[in-house]
């Protein structure tokens, strides 16, 4: 059984489907245009030609056992995304993530059944801004009010033990691992010493991440 259903095989939908499939997830790709599905059919577990604004076609997909569905319809399909989201909720999908195009659209999506809304343009723009302003942040993912980030270790940290750095107390960051030479090192004790070139895999608030990244 597919674990994810992705509705809309535009660029965003295909990218989402491919990323999930490459992580070993079973993906059902859905679009009313069979030609769009042809672009992804060899990469996902299953495809379905369906107009998800039609209740009978949504019922025919048997999505009630799908843990998560992503409504990835494009910017010219705002009404279709709203109808699709409402019908997926009626169909019993456990968790619906819907693409929004602005704040108003996002509020409407939430009001009719989406559990989570995302704006890819905002997310990409925010990530680009972070990378430009803080180049030492090699990657950052939002986790609610926290972020999982990979930060280049400041040179001031080189040669210092974790106990001395006191990342949690002094910087409000939780260290998960140290990326060293292409491998992740999980510190076994607070005596672990930071080496030049290390990357720190941390969890913390955006301000805490920026504070350490700004030391580089």
C-alpha atoms as a PDB file:
ATOM      1  CA  UNK A   1       0.000   0.000   0.000  1.00  0.00           C
ATOM      2  CA  UNK A   2       1.209   3.504  -0.811  1.00  0.00           C
ATOM      3  CA  UNK A   3       2.225   5.627   2.164  1.00  0.00           C
ATOM      4  CA  UNK A   4       1.908   8.955   0.338  1.00  0.00           C
ATOM      5  CA  UNK A   5      -0.479  10.253  -2.308  1.00  0.00           C
ATOM      6  CA  UNK A   6       0.697  13.268  -4.283  1.00  0.00           C
ATOM      7  CA  UNK A   7      -2.022  15.142  -6.182  1.00  0.00           C
ATOM      8  CA  UNK A   8      -0.776  17.248  -9.084  1.00  0.00           C
ATOM      9  CA  UNK A   9       2.236  16.328 -11.179  1.00  0.00           C
ATOM     10  CA  UNK A  10       3.517  19.794 -11.965  1.00  0.00           C
ATOM     11  CA  UNK A  11       7.140  20.584 -11.143  1.00  0.00           C
ATOM     12  CA  UNK A  12       6.514  20.806  -7.392  1.00  0.00           C
ATOM     13  CA  UNK A  13       4.445  17.625  -7.286  1.00  0.00           C
ATOM     14  CA  UNK A  14       6.971  15.639  -9.320  1.00  0.00           C
ATOM     15  CA  UNK A  15       9.844  16.898  -7.172  1.00  0.00           C
ATOM     16  CA  UNK A  16       8.002  15.879  -4.007  1.00  0.00           C
ATOM     17  CA  UNK A  17       7.112  12.454  -5.403  1.00  0.00           C
ATOM     18  CA  UNK A  18      10.672  11.812  -6.583  1.00  0.00           C
ATOM     19  CA  UNK A  19      12.191  12.870  -3.268  1.00  0.00           C
ATOM     20  CA  UNK A  20       9.900  10.571  -1.305  1.00  0.00           C
ATOM     21  CA  UNK A  21      10.470   7.669  -3.695  1.00  0.00           C
ATOM     22  CA  UNK A  22      14.253   8.070  -3.453  1.00  0.00           C
ATOM     23  CA  UNK A  23      13.895   7.774   0.313  1.00  0.00           C
ATOM     24  CA  UNK A  24      12.221   4.407  -0.165  1.00  0.00           C
ATOM     25  CA  UNK A  25       8.647   5.584   0.394  1.00  0.00           C
ATOM     26  CA  UNK A  26       5.746   4.115  -1.579  1.00  0.00           C
ATOM     27  CA  UNK A  27       4.156   6.953  -3.543  1.00  0.00           C
ATOM     28  CA  UNK A  28       0.872   7.119  -5.442  1.00  0.00           C
ATOM     29  CA  UNK A  29       1.052   9.922  -8.039  1.00  0.00           C
ATOM     30  CA  UNK A  30      -2.303  11.394  -9.102  1.00  0.00           C
ATOM     31  CA  UNK A  31      -3.133  13.764 -11.944  1.00  0.00           C
ATOM     32  CA  UNK A  32      -5.960  14.156 -14.415  1.00  0.00           C
ATOM     33  CA  UNK A  33      -3.423  14.491 -17.244  1.00  0.00           C
ATOM     34  CA  UNK A  34      -1.954  11.111 -18.180  1.00  0.00           C
ATOM     35  CA  UNK A  35       0.925  12.807 -20.025  1.00  0.00           C
ATOM     36  CA  UNK A  36       2.135  14.348 -16.783  1.00  0.00           C
ATOM     37  CA  UNK A  37       1.996  10.974 -15.103  1.00  0.00           C
ATOM     38  CA  UNK A  38       4.137   9.541 -17.901  1.00  0.00           C
ATOM     39  CA  UNK A  39       6.976  11.745 -16.593  1.00  0.00           C
ATOM     40  CA  UNK A  40       6.963  10.056 -13.191  1.00  0.00           C
ATOM     41  CA  UNK A  41       5.493   6.572 -13.662  1.00  0.00           C
ATOM     42  CA  UNK A  42       8.841   4.737 -13.648  1.00  0.00           C
ATOM     43  CA  UNK A  43       9.892   6.369 -10.380  1.00  0.00           C
ATOM     44  CA  UNK A  44       6.905   5.823  -8.086  1.00  0.00           C
ATOM     45  CA  UNK A  45       4.979   2.824  -6.768  1.00  0.00           C
ATOM     46  CA  UNK A  46       1.735   3.629  -8.593  1.00  0.00           C
ATOM     47  CA  UNK A  47      -0.017   6.269 -10.678  1.00  0.00           C
ATOM     48  CA  UNK A  48      -3.694   7.130 -11.088  1.00  0.00           C
ATOM     49  CA  UNK A  49      -5.460   9.275 -13.666  1.00  0.00           C
ATOM     50  CA  UNK A  50      -8.200  11.117 -11.787  1.00  0.00           C
ATOM     51  CA  UNK A  51      -9.862  14.502 -11.495  1.00  0.00           C
ATOM     52  CA  UNK A  52      -9.721  15.080  -7.748  1.00  0.00           C
ATOM     53  CA  UNK A  53     -12.389  17.796  -7.912  1.00  0.00           C
ATOM     54  CA  UNK A  54     -14.938  15.088  -8.735  1.00  0.00           C
ATOM     55  CA  UNK A  55     -16.260  13.270  -5.624  1.00  0.00           C
ATOM     56  CA  UNK A  56     -16.873   9.973  -7.416  1.00  0.00           C
ATOM     57  CA  UNK A  57     -13.319   9.862  -8.762  1.00  0.00           C
ATOM     58  CA  UNK A  58     -11.831  10.624  -5.352  1.00  0.00           C
ATOM     59  CA  UNK A  59     -13.922   7.838  -3.798  1.00  0.00           C
ATOM     60  CA  UNK A  60     -12.670   5.483  -6.477  1.00  0.00           C
ATOM     61  CA  UNK A  61      -9.081   6.035  -5.363  1.00  0.00           C
ATOM     62  CA  UNK A  62      -9.688   4.362  -1.963  1.00  0.00           C
ATOM     63  CA  UNK A  63      -7.510   6.894  -0.137  1.00  0.00           C
ATOM     64  CA  UNK A  64      -8.880   6.256   3.348  1.00  0.00           C
ATOM     65  CA  UNK A  65      -5.889   4.006   4.137  1.00  0.00           C
ATOM     66  CA  UNK A  66      -3.315   6.538   2.910  1.00  0.00           C
ATOM     67  CA  UNK A  67      -1.494   8.042   5.921  1.00  0.00           C
ATOM     68  CA  UNK A  68      -0.577  11.277   4.134  1.00  0.00           C
ATOM     69  CA  UNK A  69      -1.644  13.139   0.996  1.00  0.00           C
ATOM     70  CA  UNK A  70      -0.002  16.198  -0.518  1.00  0.00           C
ATOM     71  CA  UNK A  71      -2.127  18.572  -2.596  1.00  0.00           C
ATOM     72  CA  UNK A  72       0.533  19.967  -4.931  1.00  0.00           C
ATOM     73  CA  UNK A  73      -1.657  21.646  -7.538  1.00  0.00           C
ATOM     74  CA  UNK A  74      -0.217  24.674  -9.311  1.00  0.00           C
ATOM     75  CA  UNK A  75      -0.872  28.376  -8.958  1.00  0.00           C
ATOM     76  CA  UNK A  76      -3.622  28.502 -11.580  1.00  0.00           C
ATOM     77  CA  UNK A  77      -5.611  25.809  -9.798  1.00  0.00           C
ATOM     78  CA  UNK A  78      -6.528  27.522  -6.531  1.00  0.00           C
ATOM     79  CA  UNK A  79     -10.180  26.480  -6.685  1.00  0.00           C
ATOM     80  CA  UNK A  80      -9.181  22.934  -7.608  1.00  0.00           C
ATOM     81  CA  UNK A  81      -6.817  22.747  -4.650  1.00  0.00           C
ATOM     82  CA  UNK A  82      -9.593  23.807  -2.273  1.00  0.00           C
ATOM     83  CA  UNK A  83     -12.046  21.263  -3.698  1.00  0.00           C
ATOM     84  CA  UNK A  84      -9.425  18.534  -3.668  1.00  0.00           C
ATOM     85  CA  UNK A  85      -8.473  19.236  -0.062  1.00  0.00           C
ATOM     86  CA  UNK A  86     -12.111  19.115   1.068  1.00  0.00           C
ATOM     87  CA  UNK A  87     -12.748  15.862  -0.788  1.00  0.00           C
ATOM     88  CA  UNK A  88      -9.595  14.219   0.554  1.00  0.00           C
ATOM     89  CA  UNK A  89     -10.702  15.097   4.074  1.00  0.00           C
ATOM     90  CA  UNK A  90     -14.117  13.587   3.361  1.00  0.00           C
ATOM     91  CA  UNK A  91     -12.387  10.492   2.002  1.00  0.00           C
ATOM     92  CA  UNK A  92     -10.728   9.939   5.373  1.00  0.00           C
ATOM     93  CA  UNK A  93      -7.087  10.766   4.592  1.00  0.00           C
ATOM     94  CA  UNK A  94      -5.299  10.925   7.943  1.00  0.00           C
ATOM     95  CA  UNK A  95      -2.993  13.856   7.210  1.00  0.00           C
ATOM     96  CA  UNK A  96      -3.316  16.381   4.376  1.00  0.00           C
ATOM     97  CA  UNK A  97      -0.525  18.765   3.412  1.00  0.00           C
ATOM     98  CA  UNK A  98      -1.660  21.417   0.931  1.00  0.00           C
ATOM     99  CA  UNK A  99       0.299  23.882  -1.149  1.00  0.00           C
ATOM    100  CA  UNK A 100      -0.794  27.473  -0.550  1.00  0.00           C
ATOM    101  CA  UNK A 101      -0.143  30.525  -2.678  1.00  0.00           C
ATOM    102  CA  UNK A 102      -0.760  33.272  -0.128  1.00  0.00           C
ATOM    103  CA  UNK A 103      -1.965  33.721   3.450  1.00  0.00           C
ATOM    104  CA  UNK A 104      -5.639  33.907   2.482  1.00  0.00           C
ATOM    105  CA  UNK A 105      -5.449  30.707   0.473  1.00  0.00           C
ATOM    106  CA  UNK A 106      -3.633  29.027   3.337  1.00  0.00           C
ATOM    107  CA  UNK A 107      -6.328  29.990   5.832  1.00  0.00           C
ATOM    108  CA  UNK A 108      -9.017  28.667   3.498  1.00  0.00           C
ATOM    109  CA  UNK A 109      -7.171  25.373   3.083  1.00  0.00           C
ATOM    110  CA  UNK A 110      -6.943  24.941   6.846  1.00  0.00           C
ATOM    111  CA  UNK A 111     -10.603  25.823   7.308  1.00  0.00           C
ATOM    112  CA  UNK A 112     -11.780  23.121   4.898  1.00  0.00           C
ATOM    113  CA  UNK A 113      -9.637  20.283   6.130  1.00  0.00           C
ATOM    114  CA  UNK A 114      -5.899  20.649   5.471  1.00  0.00           C
ATOM    115  CA  UNK A 115      -3.806  19.693   8.484  1.00  0.00           C
ATOM    116  CA  UNK A 116      -0.760  21.607   7.253  1.00  0.00           C
ATOM    117  CA  UNK A 117      -0.108  24.209   4.558  1.00  0.00           C
ATOM    118  CA  UNK A 118       3.167  25.027   2.881  1.00  0.00           C
ATOM    119  CA  UNK A 119       4.248  27.734   0.471  1.00  0.00           C
ATOM    120  CA  UNK A 120       7.206  26.412  -1.552  1.00  0.00           C
ATOM    121  CA  UNK A 121       8.143  29.866  -2.819  1.00  0.00           C
ATOM    122  CA  UNK A 122       8.320  31.266   0.718  1.00  0.00           C
ATOM    123  CA  UNK A 123      10.262  28.242   1.921  1.00  0.00           C
ATOM    124  CA  UNK A 124      12.799  28.478  -0.908  1.00  0.00           C
ATOM    125  CA  UNK A 125      13.108  32.220  -0.460  1.00  0.00           C
ATOM    126  CA  UNK A 126      13.662  31.877   3.273  1.00  0.00           C
ATOM    127  CA  UNK A 127      16.257  29.152   2.750  1.00  0.00           C
ATOM    128  CA  UNK A 128      18.063  31.236   0.135  1.00  0.00           C
ATOM    129  CA  UNK A 129      18.061  34.284   2.412  1.00  0.00           C
ATOM    130  CA  UNK A 130      19.505  32.209   5.249  1.00  0.00           C
ATOM    131  CA  UNK A 131      22.198  30.792   2.989  1.00  0.00           C
ATOM    132  CA  UNK A 132      23.143  34.238   1.686  1.00  0.00           C
ATOM    133  CA  UNK A 133      23.204  35.947   5.068  1.00  0.00           C
ATOM    134  CA  UNK A 134      24.715  32.985   6.961  1.00  0.00           C
ATOM    135  CA  UNK A 135      26.842  30.953   4.529  1.00  0.00           C
ATOM    136  CA  UNK A 136      28.145  28.833   7.419  1.00  0.00           C
ATOM    137  CA  UNK A 137      24.688  27.236   7.693  1.00  0.00           C
ATOM    138  CA  UNK A 138      24.980  24.308   5.284  1.00  0.00           C
ATOM    139  CA  UNK A 139      21.378  23.154   5.686  1.00  0.00           C
ATOM    140  CA  UNK A 140      18.368  23.966   7.830  1.00  0.00           C
ATOM    141  CA  UNK A 141      14.955  22.333   8.261  1.00  0.00           C
ATOM    142  CA  UNK A 142      12.106  23.774  10.319  1.00  0.00           C
ATOM    143  CA  UNK A 143      10.667  21.484  12.988  1.00  0.00           C
ATOM    144  CA  UNK A 144       7.775  23.417  14.501  1.00  0.00           C
ATOM    145  CA  UNK A 145       9.298  26.274  16.507  1.00  0.00           C
ATOM    146  CA  UNK A 146      12.764  24.656  16.290  1.00  0.00           C
ATOM    147  CA  UNK A 147      15.203  24.033  13.454  1.00  0.00           C
ATOM    148  CA  UNK A 148      17.475  21.145  12.576  1.00  0.00           C
ATOM    149  CA  UNK A 149      20.617  22.771  11.184  1.00  0.00           C
ATOM    150  CA  UNK A 150      24.067  21.815   9.938  1.00  0.00           C
ATOM    151  CA  UNK A 151      26.547  24.558  10.856  1.00  0.00           C
ATOM    152  CA  UNK A 152      30.213  24.923  10.056  1.00  0.00           C
ATOM    153  CA  UNK A 153      31.992  24.845  13.420  1.00  0.00           C
ATOM    154  CA  UNK A 154      33.457  28.284  14.205  1.00  0.00           C
ATOM    155  CA  UNK A 155      37.260  28.306  14.355  1.00  0.00           C
ATOM    156  CA  UNK A 156      36.939  29.579  17.926  1.00  0.00           C
ATOM    157  CA  UNK A 157      35.479  26.146  18.787  1.00  0.00           C
ATOM    158  CA  UNK A 158      38.476  24.235  17.366  1.00  0.00           C
ATOM    159  CA  UNK A 159      40.374  22.295  19.996  1.00  0.00           C
ATOM    160  CA  UNK A 160      37.736  22.853  22.646  1.00  0.00           C
ATOM    161  CA  UNK A 161      35.810  20.076  24.362  1.00  0.00           C
ATOM    162  CA  UNK A 162      32.041  19.952  24.289  1.00  0.00           C
ATOM    163  CA  UNK A 163      31.947  20.330  28.065  1.00  0.00           C
ATOM    164  CA  UNK A 164      33.832  23.607  27.722  1.00  0.00           C
ATOM    165  CA  UNK A 165      31.635  24.882  24.886  1.00  0.00           C
ATOM    166  CA  UNK A 166      28.411  24.122  26.800  1.00  0.00           C
ATOM    167  CA  UNK A 167      26.281  24.481  23.681  1.00  0.00           C
ATOM    168  CA  UNK A 168      22.999  23.801  25.482  1.00  0.00           C
ATOM    169  CA  UNK A 169      23.597  26.173  28.378  1.00  0.00           C
ATOM    170  CA  UNK A 170      25.430  28.955  26.563  1.00  0.00           C
ATOM    171  CA  UNK A 171      23.848  28.845  23.096  1.00  0.00           C
ATOM    172  CA  UNK A 172      20.550  26.959  23.643  1.00  0.00           C
ATOM    173  CA  UNK A 173      21.481  24.364  21.015  1.00  0.00           C
ATOM    174  CA  UNK A 174      21.291  20.588  21.309  1.00  0.00           C
ATOM    175  CA  UNK A 175      24.147  18.819  19.534  1.00  0.00           C
ATOM    176  CA  UNK A 176      22.996  15.657  17.746  1.00  0.00           C
ATOM    177  CA  UNK A 177      26.190  14.759  15.891  1.00  0.00           C
ATOM    178  CA  UNK A 178      29.424  16.061  14.447  1.00  0.00           C
ATOM    179  CA  UNK A 179      29.909  15.604  10.712  1.00  0.00           C
ATOM    180  CA  UNK A 180      33.605  14.938  10.188  1.00  0.00           C
ATOM    181  CA  UNK A 181      35.249  13.758   6.984  1.00  0.00           C
ATOM    182  CA  UNK A 182      31.919  12.825   5.413  1.00  0.00           C
ATOM    183  CA  UNK A 183      30.776  10.710   8.378  1.00  0.00           C
ATOM    184  CA  UNK A 184      28.588  11.504  11.361  1.00  0.00           C
ATOM    185  CA  UNK A 185      30.258  11.190  14.759  1.00  0.00           C
ATOM    186  CA  UNK A 186      27.917  10.905  17.727  1.00  0.00           C
ATOM    187  CA  UNK A 187      29.864  12.195  20.731  1.00  0.00           C
ATOM    188  CA  UNK A 188      30.156   9.527  23.403  1.00  0.00           C
ATOM    189  CA  UNK A 189      31.175  11.980  26.109  1.00  0.00           C
ATOM    190  CA  UNK A 190      31.523  15.675  26.832  1.00  0.00           C
ATOM    191  CA  UNK A 191      35.295  15.242  26.396  1.00  0.00           C
ATOM    192  CA  UNK A 192      34.856  15.073  22.595  1.00  0.00           C
ATOM    193  CA  UNK A 193      36.929  17.847  20.994  1.00  0.00           C
ATOM    194  CA  UNK A 194      35.920  19.921  17.997  1.00  0.00           C
ATOM    195  CA  UNK A 195      38.312  19.714  15.042  1.00  0.00           C
ATOM    196  CA  UNK A 196      38.885  22.249  12.280  1.00  0.00           C
ATOM    197  CA  UNK A 197      36.416  21.643   9.424  1.00  0.00           C
ATOM    198  CA  UNK A 198      33.815  19.923  11.587  1.00  0.00           C
ATOM    199  CA  UNK A 199      30.126  20.473  10.868  1.00  0.00           C
ATOM    200  CA  UNK A 200      27.765  20.590  13.833  1.00  0.00           C
ATOM    201  CA  UNK A 201      24.324  18.957  13.504  1.00  0.00           C
ATOM    202  CA  UNK A 202      22.175  20.812  16.011  1.00  0.00           C
ATOM    203  CA  UNK A 203      18.580  21.487  17.021  1.00  0.00           C
ATOM    204  CA  UNK A 204      17.497  24.863  18.363  1.00  0.00           C
ATOM    205  CA  UNK A 205      15.651  28.073  17.690  1.00  0.00           C
ATOM    206  CA  UNK A 206      16.445  30.141  14.600  1.00  0.00           C
ATOM    207  CA  UNK A 207      18.048  32.881  16.684  1.00  0.00           C
ATOM    208  CA  UNK A 208      20.290  30.374  18.462  1.00  0.00           C
ATOM    209  CA  UNK A 209      21.336  28.843  15.135  1.00  0.00           C
ATOM    210  CA  UNK A 210      22.090  32.293  13.700  1.00  0.00           C
ATOM    211  CA  UNK A 211      24.091  33.269  16.794  1.00  0.00           C
ATOM    212  CA  UNK A 212      26.504  30.345  16.460  1.00  0.00           C
ATOM    213  CA  UNK A 213      26.625  30.573  12.662  1.00  0.00           C
ATOM    214  CA  UNK A 214      27.562  34.242  12.997  1.00  0.00           C
ATOM    215  CA  UNK A 215      30.708  33.308  14.953  1.00  0.00           C
ATOM    216  CA  UNK A 216      32.348  31.806  11.863  1.00  0.00           C
END
